[in-house]
Amino acid sequence: MRVREYAAASTGSLILLGTLVEAFRGSWGLYENYYRLPKEKYGVLSPLRWQDIVFIAGFYVVLLALGYLSFRLLKYSLRHRGRVA
């Protein structure tokens, strides 16, 4: 049983770390592409197209799902079980 808990803890930690890194990188990329560069290049922001909005929403839904998966794996690995005498 210990092997499953260690496997769940390591998998959950790796997924959480990857999710946090990709959330930062993706958010920074969205900021660069949709706010900073148009503002510097054209001096005005253009509205997002519907495809952009769907991509951004899908990106954050996937990140949320991965965050929940890592939470459940870590919760499983860290739950307290009493010893059987």
PDB file of N, CA and C in Angstrom:
ATOM      1  N   MET A   1       0.819  -1.192   0.000  1.00  0.00           N
ATOM      2  CA  MET A   1       0.000   0.000   0.000  1.00  0.00           C
ATOM      3  C   MET A   1       0.863   1.256   0.000  1.00  0.00           C
ATOM      4  N   ARG A   2       2.020   1.193   0.612  1.00  0.00           N
ATOM      5  CA  ARG A   2       2.903   2.351   0.657  1.00  0.00           C
ATOM      6  C   ARG A   2       3.368   2.772  -0.740  1.00  0.00           C
ATOM      7  N   VAL A   3       3.551   1.797  -1.626  1.00  0.00           N
ATOM      8  CA  VAL A   3       4.036   2.109  -2.971  1.00  0.00           C
ATOM      9  C   VAL A   3       3.015   2.967  -3.707  1.00  0.00           C
ATOM     10  N   ARG A   4       1.739   2.647  -3.545  1.00  0.00           N
ATOM     11  CA  ARG A   4       0.701   3.444  -4.196  1.00  0.00           C
ATOM     12  C   ARG A   4       0.706   4.878  -3.687  1.00  0.00           C
ATOM     13  N   GLU A   5       0.899   5.041  -2.391  1.00  0.00           N
ATOM     14  CA  GLU A   5       0.907   6.397  -1.824  1.00  0.00           C
ATOM     15  C   GLU A   5       2.105   7.191  -2.322  1.00  0.00           C
ATOM     16  N   TYR A   6       3.266   6.560  -2.385  1.00  0.00           N
ATOM     17  CA  TYR A   6       4.450   7.250  -2.902  1.00  0.00           C
ATOM     18  C   TYR A   6       4.291   7.591  -4.385  1.00  0.00           C
ATOM     19  N   ALA A   7       3.724   6.664  -5.140  1.00  0.00           N
ATOM     20  CA  ALA A   7       3.498   6.917  -6.572  1.00  0.00           C
ATOM     21  C   ALA A   7       2.499   8.057  -6.757  1.00  0.00           C
ATOM     22  N   ALA A   8       1.432   8.067  -5.950  1.00  0.00           N
ATOM     23  CA  ALA A   8       0.444   9.142  -6.054  1.00  0.00           C
ATOM     24  C   ALA A   8       1.052  10.479  -5.651  1.00  0.00           C
ATOM     25  N   ALA A   9       1.895  10.477  -4.612  1.00  0.00           N
ATOM     26  CA  ALA A   9       2.522  11.721  -4.167  1.00  0.00           C
ATOM     27  C   ALA A   9       3.477  12.257  -5.220  1.00  0.00           C
ATOM     28  N   SER A  10       4.292  11.409  -5.800  1.00  0.00           N
ATOM     29  CA  SER A  10       5.244  11.894  -6.805  1.00  0.00           C
ATOM     30  C   SER A  10       4.526  12.337  -8.080  1.00  0.00           C
ATOM     31  N   THR A  11       3.514  11.584  -8.502  1.00  0.00           N
ATOM     32  CA  THR A  11       2.764  11.972  -9.692  1.00  0.00           C
ATOM     33  C   THR A  11       2.001  13.273  -9.466  1.00  0.00           C
ATOM     34  N   GLY A  12       1.354  13.383  -8.307  1.00  0.00           N
ATOM     35  CA  GLY A  12       0.622  14.608  -7.990  1.00  0.00           C
ATOM     36  C   GLY A  12       1.533  15.817  -7.905  1.00  0.00           C
ATOM     37  N   SER A  13       2.720  15.635  -7.322  1.00  0.00           N
ATOM     38  CA  SER A  13       3.664  16.746  -7.218  1.00  0.00           C
ATOM     39  C   SER A  13       4.154  17.192  -8.585  1.00  0.00           C
ATOM     40  N   LEU A  14       4.467  16.228  -9.445  1.00  0.00           N
ATOM     41  CA  LEU A  14       4.942  16.575 -10.788  1.00  0.00           C
ATOM     42  C   LEU A  14       3.849  17.269 -11.603  1.00  0.00           C
ATOM     43  N   ILE A  15       2.624  16.776 -11.506  1.00  0.00           N
ATOM     44  CA  ILE A  15       1.520  17.414 -12.233  1.00  0.00           C
ATOM     45  C   ILE A  15       1.280  18.823 -11.704  1.00  0.00           C
ATOM     46  N   LEU A  16       1.326  18.994 -10.386  1.00  0.00           N
ATOM     47  CA  LEU A  16       1.119  20.320  -9.800  1.00  0.00           C
ATOM     48  C   LEU A  16       2.220  21.287 -10.223  1.00  0.00           C
ATOM     49  N   LEU A  17       3.461  20.825 -10.177  1.00  0.00           N
ATOM     50  CA  LEU A  17       4.575  21.683 -10.592  1.00  0.00           C
ATOM     51  C   LEU A  17       4.446  22.069 -12.061  1.00  0.00           C
ATOM     52  N   GLY A  18       4.156  21.087 -12.917  1.00  0.00           N
ATOM     53  CA  GLY A  18       3.982  21.367 -14.338  1.00  0.00           C
ATOM     54  C   GLY A  18       2.819  22.302 -14.612  1.00  0.00           C
ATOM     55  N   THR A  19       1.729  22.132 -13.866  1.00  0.00           N
ATOM     56  CA  THR A  19       0.561  22.990 -14.032  1.00  0.00           C
ATOM     57  C   THR A  19       0.880  24.423 -13.635  1.00  0.00           C
ATOM     58  N   LEU A  20       1.587  24.597 -12.524  1.00  0.00           N
ATOM     59  CA  LEU A  20       1.940  25.951 -12.092  1.00  0.00           C
ATOM     60  C   LEU A  20       2.877  26.628 -13.088  1.00  0.00           C
ATOM     61  N   VAL A  21       3.850  25.878 -13.594  1.00  0.00           N
ATOM     62  CA  VAL A  21       4.784  26.448 -14.570  1.00  0.00           C
ATOM     63  C   VAL A  21       4.053  26.829 -15.856  1.00  0.00           C
ATOM     64  N   GLU A  22       3.205  25.932 -16.354  1.00  0.00           N
ATOM     65  CA  GLU A  22       2.473  26.233 -17.582  1.00  0.00           C
ATOM     66  C   GLU A  22       1.453  27.346 -17.386  1.00  0.00           C
ATOM     67  N   ALA A  23       0.868  27.446 -16.194  1.00  0.00           N
ATOM     68  CA  ALA A  23      -0.062  28.548 -15.926  1.00  0.00           C
ATOM     69  C   ALA A  23       0.672  29.882 -16.008  1.00  0.00           C
ATOM     70  N   PHE A  24       1.861  29.943 -15.433  1.00  0.00           N
ATOM     71  CA  PHE A  24       2.636  31.182 -15.497  1.00  0.00           C
ATOM     72  C   PHE A  24       3.061  31.489 -16.929  1.00  0.00           C
ATOM     73  N   ARG A  25       3.617  30.483 -17.615  1.00  0.00           N
ATOM     74  CA  ARG A  25       4.087  30.710 -18.978  1.00  0.00           C
ATOM     75  C   ARG A  25       2.942  31.065 -19.921  1.00  0.00           C
ATOM     76  N   GLY A  26       1.811  30.352 -19.777  1.00  0.00           N
ATOM     77  CA  GLY A  26       0.664  30.627 -20.641  1.00  0.00           C
ATOM     78  C   GLY A  26       0.067  31.991 -20.384  1.00  0.00           C
ATOM     79  N   SER A  27      -0.039  32.360 -19.109  1.00  0.00           N
ATOM     80  CA  SER A  27      -0.580  33.681 -18.781  1.00  0.00           C
ATOM     81  C   SER A  27       0.343  34.784 -19.279  1.00  0.00           C
ATOM     82  N   TRP A  28       1.637  34.570 -19.142  1.00  0.00           N
ATOM     83  CA  TRP A  28       2.597  35.563 -19.641  1.00  0.00           C
ATOM     84  C   TRP A  28       2.496  35.665 -21.166  1.00  0.00           C
ATOM     85  N   GLY A  29       2.355  34.528 -21.841  1.00  0.00           N
ATOM     86  CA  GLY A  29       2.216  34.543 -23.297  1.00  0.00           C
ATOM     87  C   GLY A  29       0.942  35.249 -23.744  1.00  0.00           C
ATOM     88  N   LEU A  30      -0.158  35.016 -23.039  1.00  0.00           N
ATOM     89  CA  LEU A  30      -1.400  35.706 -23.381  1.00  0.00           C
ATOM     90  C   LEU A  30      -1.265  37.208 -23.167  1.00  0.00           C
ATOM     91  N   TYR A  31      -0.599  37.591 -22.082  1.00  0.00           N
ATOM     92  CA  TYR A  31      -0.355  39.011 -21.823  1.00  0.00           C
ATOM     93  C   TYR A  31       0.487  39.625 -22.937  1.00  0.00           C
ATOM     94  N   GLU A  32       1.532  38.917 -23.327  1.00  0.00           N
ATOM     95  CA  GLU A  32       2.415  39.429 -24.390  1.00  0.00           C
ATOM     96  C   GLU A  32       1.656  39.582 -25.707  1.00  0.00           C
ATOM     97  N   ASN A  33       0.922  38.535 -26.109  1.00  0.00           N
ATOM     98  CA  ASN A  33       0.300  38.528 -27.432  1.00  0.00           C
ATOM     99  C   ASN A  33      -0.930  39.406 -27.540  1.00  0.00           C
ATOM    100  N   TYR A  34      -1.697  39.514 -26.467  1.00  0.00           N
ATOM    101  CA  TYR A  34      -2.976  40.204 -26.580  1.00  0.00           C
ATOM    102  C   TYR A  34      -3.028  41.559 -25.892  1.00  0.00           C
ATOM    103  N   TYR A  35      -1.993  41.906 -25.131  1.00  0.00           N
ATOM    104  CA  TYR A  35      -2.024  43.210 -24.477  1.00  0.00           C
ATOM    105  C   TYR A  35      -0.777  44.034 -24.795  1.00  0.00           C
ATOM    106  N   ARG A  36       0.388  43.503 -24.456  1.00  0.00           N
ATOM    107  CA  ARG A  36       1.592  44.318 -24.546  1.00  0.00           C
ATOM    108  C   ARG A  36       2.005  44.615 -25.983  1.00  0.00           C
ATOM    109  N   LEU A  37       2.091  43.604 -26.836  1.00  0.00           N
ATOM    110  CA  LEU A  37       2.556  43.828 -28.201  1.00  0.00           C
ATOM    111  C   LEU A  37       1.602  44.699 -29.028  1.00  0.00           C
ATOM    112  N   PRO A  38       0.267  44.466 -29.001  1.00  0.00           N
ATOM    113  CA  PRO A  38      -0.607  45.372 -29.755  1.00  0.00           C
ATOM    114  C   PRO A  38      -0.537  46.808 -29.242  1.00  0.00           C
ATOM    115  N   LYS A  39      -0.377  46.963 -27.930  1.00  0.00           N
ATOM    116  CA  LYS A  39      -0.315  48.308 -27.354  1.00  0.00           C
ATOM    117  C   LYS A  39       0.958  49.019 -27.823  1.00  0.00           C
ATOM    118  N   GLU A  40       2.087  48.309 -27.839  1.00  0.00           N
ATOM    119  CA  GLU A  40       3.344  48.912 -28.278  1.00  0.00           C
ATOM    120  C   GLU A  40       3.363  49.123 -29.789  1.00  0.00           C
ATOM    121  N   LYS A  41       2.847  48.170 -30.536  1.00  0.00           N
ATOM    122  CA  LYS A  41       2.947  48.209 -31.987  1.00  0.00           C
ATOM    123  C   LYS A  41       1.968  49.190 -32.626  1.00  0.00           C
ATOM    124  N   TYR A  42       0.718  49.148 -32.172  1.00  0.00           N
ATOM    125  CA  TYR A  42      -0.311  49.960 -32.808  1.00  0.00           C
ATOM    126  C   TYR A  42      -0.817  51.098 -31.927  1.00  0.00           C
ATOM    127  N   GLY A  43      -0.499  51.061 -30.648  1.00  0.00           N
ATOM    128  CA  GLY A  43      -0.939  52.105 -29.742  1.00  0.00           C
ATOM    129  C   GLY A  43      -2.366  51.957 -29.271  1.00  0.00           C
ATOM    130  N   VAL A  44      -3.045  50.921 -29.731  1.00  0.00           N
ATOM    131  CA  VAL A  44      -4.429  50.697 -29.334  1.00  0.00           C
ATOM    132  C   VAL A  44      -4.663  49.195 -29.247  1.00  0.00           C
ATOM    133  N   LEU A  45      -5.549  48.795 -28.339  1.00  0.00           N
ATOM    134  CA  LEU A  45      -5.889  47.390 -28.218  1.00  0.00           C
ATOM    135  C   LEU A  45      -7.076  47.060 -29.117  1.00  0.00           C
ATOM    136  N   SER A  46      -6.956  45.958 -29.839  1.00  0.00           N
ATOM    137  CA  SER A  46      -8.085  45.507 -30.641  1.00  0.00           C
ATOM    138  C   SER A  46      -8.839  44.441 -29.848  1.00  0.00           C
ATOM    139  N   PRO A  47     -10.137  44.338 -30.049  1.00  0.00           N
ATOM    140  CA  PRO A  47     -10.892  43.333 -29.292  1.00  0.00           C
ATOM    141  C   PRO A  47     -10.490  41.919 -29.715  1.00  0.00           C
ATOM    142  N   LEU A  48     -10.624  40.996 -28.791  1.00  0.00           N
ATOM    143  CA  LEU A  48     -10.305  39.606 -29.084  1.00  0.00           C
ATOM    144  C   LEU A  48     -11.373  38.997 -29.975  1.00  0.00           C
ATOM    145  N   ARG A  49     -10.951  38.087 -30.837  1.00  0.00           N
ATOM    146  CA  ARG A  49     -11.904  37.343 -31.654  1.00  0.00           C
ATOM    147  C   ARG A  49     -12.510  36.229 -30.812  1.00  0.00           C
ATOM    148  N   TRP A  50     -13.576  35.620 -31.273  1.00  0.00           N
ATOM    149  CA  TRP A  50     -14.210  34.568 -30.498  1.00  0.00           C
ATOM    150  C   TRP A  50     -13.298  33.360 -30.357  1.00  0.00           C
ATOM    151  N   GLN A  51     -12.439  33.102 -31.368  1.00  0.00           N
ATOM    152  CA  GLN A  51     -11.518  31.979 -31.279  1.00  0.00           C
ATOM    153  C   GLN A  51     -10.507  32.196 -30.153  1.00  0.00           C
ATOM    154  N   ASP A  52     -10.083  33.449 -29.971  1.00  0.00           N
ATOM    155  CA  ASP A  52      -9.145  33.762 -28.895  1.00  0.00           C
ATOM    156  C   ASP A  52      -9.780  33.546 -27.532  1.00  0.00           C
ATOM    157  N   ILE A  53     -11.018  33.963 -27.393  1.00  0.00           N
ATOM    158  CA  ILE A  53     -11.712  33.818 -26.119  1.00  0.00           C
ATOM    159  C   ILE A  53     -11.936  32.340 -25.798  1.00  0.00           C
ATOM    160  N   VAL A  54     -12.309  31.536 -26.802  1.00  0.00           N
ATOM    161  CA  VAL A  54     -12.506  30.100 -26.591  1.00  0.00           C
ATOM    162  C   VAL A  54     -11.185  29.437 -26.214  1.00  0.00           C
ATOM    163  N   PHE A  55     -10.095  29.833 -26.854  1.00  0.00           N
ATOM    164  CA  PHE A  55      -8.790  29.257 -26.521  1.00  0.00           C
ATOM    165  C   PHE A  55      -8.392  29.596 -25.090  1.00  0.00           C
ATOM    166  N   ILE A  56      -8.572  30.832 -24.693  1.00  0.00           N
ATOM    167  CA  ILE A  56      -8.200  31.249 -23.337  1.00  0.00           C
ATOM    168  C   ILE A  56      -9.043  30.503 -22.302  1.00  0.00           C
ATOM    169  N   ALA A  57     -10.346  30.393 -22.559  1.00  0.00           N
ATOM    170  CA  ALA A  57     -11.221  29.671 -21.629  1.00  0.00           C
ATOM    171  C   ALA A  57     -10.835  28.194 -21.560  1.00  0.00           C
ATOM    172  N   GLY A  58     -10.568  27.592 -22.700  1.00  0.00           N
ATOM    173  CA  GLY A  58     -10.155  26.185 -22.725  1.00  0.00           C
ATOM    174  C   GLY A  58      -8.825  25.962 -22.036  1.00  0.00           C
ATOM    175  N   PHE A  59      -7.907  26.887 -22.210  1.00  0.00           N
ATOM    176  CA  PHE A  59      -6.598  26.805 -21.566  1.00  0.00           C
ATOM    177  C   PHE A  59      -6.745  26.771 -20.055  1.00  0.00           C
ATOM    178  N   TYR A  60      -7.568  27.668 -19.514  1.00  0.00           N
ATOM    179  CA  TYR A  60      -7.737  27.712 -18.068  1.00  0.00           C
ATOM    180  C   TYR A  60      -8.589  26.554 -17.544  1.00  0.00           C
ATOM    181  N   VAL A  61      -9.503  26.021 -18.343  1.00  0.00           N
ATOM    182  CA  VAL A  61     -10.272  24.852 -17.926  1.00  0.00           C
ATOM    183  C   VAL A  61      -9.351  23.634 -17.809  1.00  0.00           C
ATOM    184  N   VAL A  62      -8.446  23.467 -18.766  1.00  0.00           N
ATOM    185  CA  VAL A  62      -7.484  22.360 -18.702  1.00  0.00           C
ATOM    186  C   VAL A  62      -6.570  22.519 -17.494  1.00  0.00           C
ATOM    187  N   LEU A  63      -6.092  23.737 -17.237  1.00  0.00           N
ATOM    188  CA  LEU A  63      -5.249  23.965 -16.065  1.00  0.00           C
ATOM    189  C   LEU A  63      -5.998  23.679 -14.772  1.00  0.00           C
ATOM    190  N   LEU A  64      -7.254  24.060 -14.718  1.00  0.00           N
ATOM    191  CA  LEU A  64      -8.073  23.786 -13.542  1.00  0.00           C
ATOM    192  C   LEU A  64      -8.253  22.284 -13.342  1.00  0.00           C
ATOM    193  N   ALA A  65      -8.491  21.552 -14.411  1.00  0.00           N
ATOM    194  CA  ALA A  65      -8.652  20.100 -14.320  1.00  0.00           C
ATOM    195  C   ALA A  65      -7.358  19.433 -13.853  1.00  0.00           C
ATOM    196  N   LEU A  66      -6.224  19.875 -14.373  1.00  0.00           N
ATOM    197  CA  LEU A  66      -4.947  19.310 -13.939  1.00  0.00           C
ATOM    198  C   LEU A  66      -4.652  19.659 -12.482  1.00  0.00           C
ATOM    199  N   GLY A  67      -5.002  20.864 -12.066  1.00  0.00           N
ATOM    200  CA  GLY A  67      -4.830  21.246 -10.670  1.00  0.00           C
ATOM    201  C   GLY A  67      -5.689  20.389  -9.752  1.00  0.00           C
ATOM    202  N   TYR A  68      -6.918  20.104 -10.154  1.00  0.00           N
ATOM    203  CA  TYR A  68      -7.800  19.257  -9.354  1.00  0.00           C
ATOM    204  C   TYR A  68      -7.275  17.824  -9.296  1.00  0.00           C
ATOM    205  N   LEU A  69      -6.772  17.328 -10.420  1.00  0.00           N
ATOM    206  CA  LEU A  69      -6.197  15.984 -10.440  1.00  0.00           C
ATOM    207  C   LEU A  69      -5.010  15.886  -9.491  1.00  0.00           C
ATOM    208  N   SER A  70      -4.128  16.863  -9.515  1.00  0.00           N
ATOM    209  CA  SER A  70      -2.978  16.828  -8.618  1.00  0.00           C
ATOM    210  C   SER A  70      -3.418  16.962  -7.161  1.00  0.00           C
ATOM    211  N   PHE A  71      -4.434  17.766  -6.897  1.00  0.00           N
ATOM    212  CA  PHE A  71      -4.972  17.886  -5.541  1.00  0.00           C
ATOM    213  C   PHE A  71      -5.492  16.547  -5.036  1.00  0.00           C
ATOM    214  N   ARG A  72      -6.247  15.842  -5.874  1.00  0.00           N
ATOM    215  CA  ARG A  72      -6.801  14.548  -5.457  1.00  0.00           C
ATOM    216  C   ARG A  72      -5.695  13.518  -5.232  1.00  0.00           C
ATOM    217  N   LEU A  73      -4.675  13.510  -6.083  1.00  0.00           N
ATOM    218  CA  LEU A  73      -3.571  12.576  -5.895  1.00  0.00           C
ATOM    219  C   LEU A  73      -2.808  12.872  -4.612  1.00  0.00           C
ATOM    220  N   LEU A  74      -2.548  14.145  -4.354  1.00  0.00           N
ATOM    221  CA  LEU A  74      -1.841  14.500  -3.128  1.00  0.00           C
ATOM    222  C   LEU A  74      -2.694  14.225  -1.891  1.00  0.00           C
ATOM    223  N   LYS A  75      -3.984  14.452  -1.987  1.00  0.00           N
ATOM    224  CA  LYS A  75      -4.868  14.166  -0.863  1.00  0.00           C
ATOM    225  C   LYS A  75      -4.893  12.666  -0.569  1.00  0.00           C
ATOM    226  N   TYR A  76      -4.920  11.849  -1.616  1.00  0.00           N
ATOM    227  CA  TYR A  76      -4.889  10.405  -1.441  1.00  0.00           C
ATOM    228  C   TYR A  76      -3.579   9.962  -0.784  1.00  0.00           C
ATOM    229  N   SER A  77      -2.488  10.550  -1.202  1.00  0.00           N
ATOM    230  CA  SER A  77      -1.194  10.106  -0.686  1.00  0.00           C
ATOM    231  C   SER A  77      -0.933  10.595   0.734  1.00  0.00           C
ATOM    232  N   LEU A  78      -1.579  11.678   1.152  1.00  0.00           N
ATOM    233  CA  LEU A  78      -1.304  12.242   2.469  1.00  0.00           C
ATOM    234  C   LEU A  78      -2.380  11.951   3.506  1.00  0.00           C
ATOM    235  N   ARG A  79      -3.388  11.185   3.135  1.00  0.00           N
ATOM    236  CA  ARG A  79      -4.450  10.911   4.103  1.00  0.00           C
ATOM    237  C   ARG A  79      -3.914  10.029   5.227  1.00  0.00           C
ATOM    238  N   HIS A  80      -4.462  10.264   6.393  1.00  0.00           N
ATOM    239  CA  HIS A  80      -4.002   9.563   7.592  1.00  0.00           C
ATOM    240  C   HIS A  80      -4.822   8.304   7.797  1.00  0.00           C
ATOM    241  N   ARG A  81      -4.123   7.203   7.904  1.00  0.00           N
ATOM    242  CA  ARG A  81      -4.787   5.937   8.198  1.00  0.00           C
ATOM    243  C   ARG A  81      -4.272   5.419   9.531  1.00  0.00           C
ATOM    244  N   GLY A  82      -5.197   5.045  10.376  1.00  0.00           N
ATOM    245  CA  GLY A  82      -4.799   4.481  11.669  1.00  0.00           C
ATOM    246  C   GLY A  82      -4.175   3.098  11.504  1.00  0.00           C
ATOM    247  N   ARG A  83      -3.300   2.773  12.395  1.00  0.00           N
ATOM    248  CA  ARG A  83      -2.667   1.457  12.341  1.00  0.00           C
ATOM    249  C   ARG A  83      -3.624   0.380  12.857  1.00  0.00           C
ATOM    250  N   VAL A  84      -3.575  -0.748  12.219  1.00  0.00           N
ATOM    251  CA  VAL A  84      -4.381  -1.878  12.654  1.00  0.00           C
ATOM    252  C   VAL A  84      -3.538  -2.700  13.614  1.00  0.00           C
ATOM    253  N   ALA A  85      -4.066  -2.961  14.805  1.00  0.00           N
ATOM    254  CA  ALA A  85      -3.286  -3.673  15.836  1.00  0.00           C
ATOM    255  C   ALA A  85      -3.217  -5.146  15.610  1.00  0.00           C
TER     256      ALA A  85
END
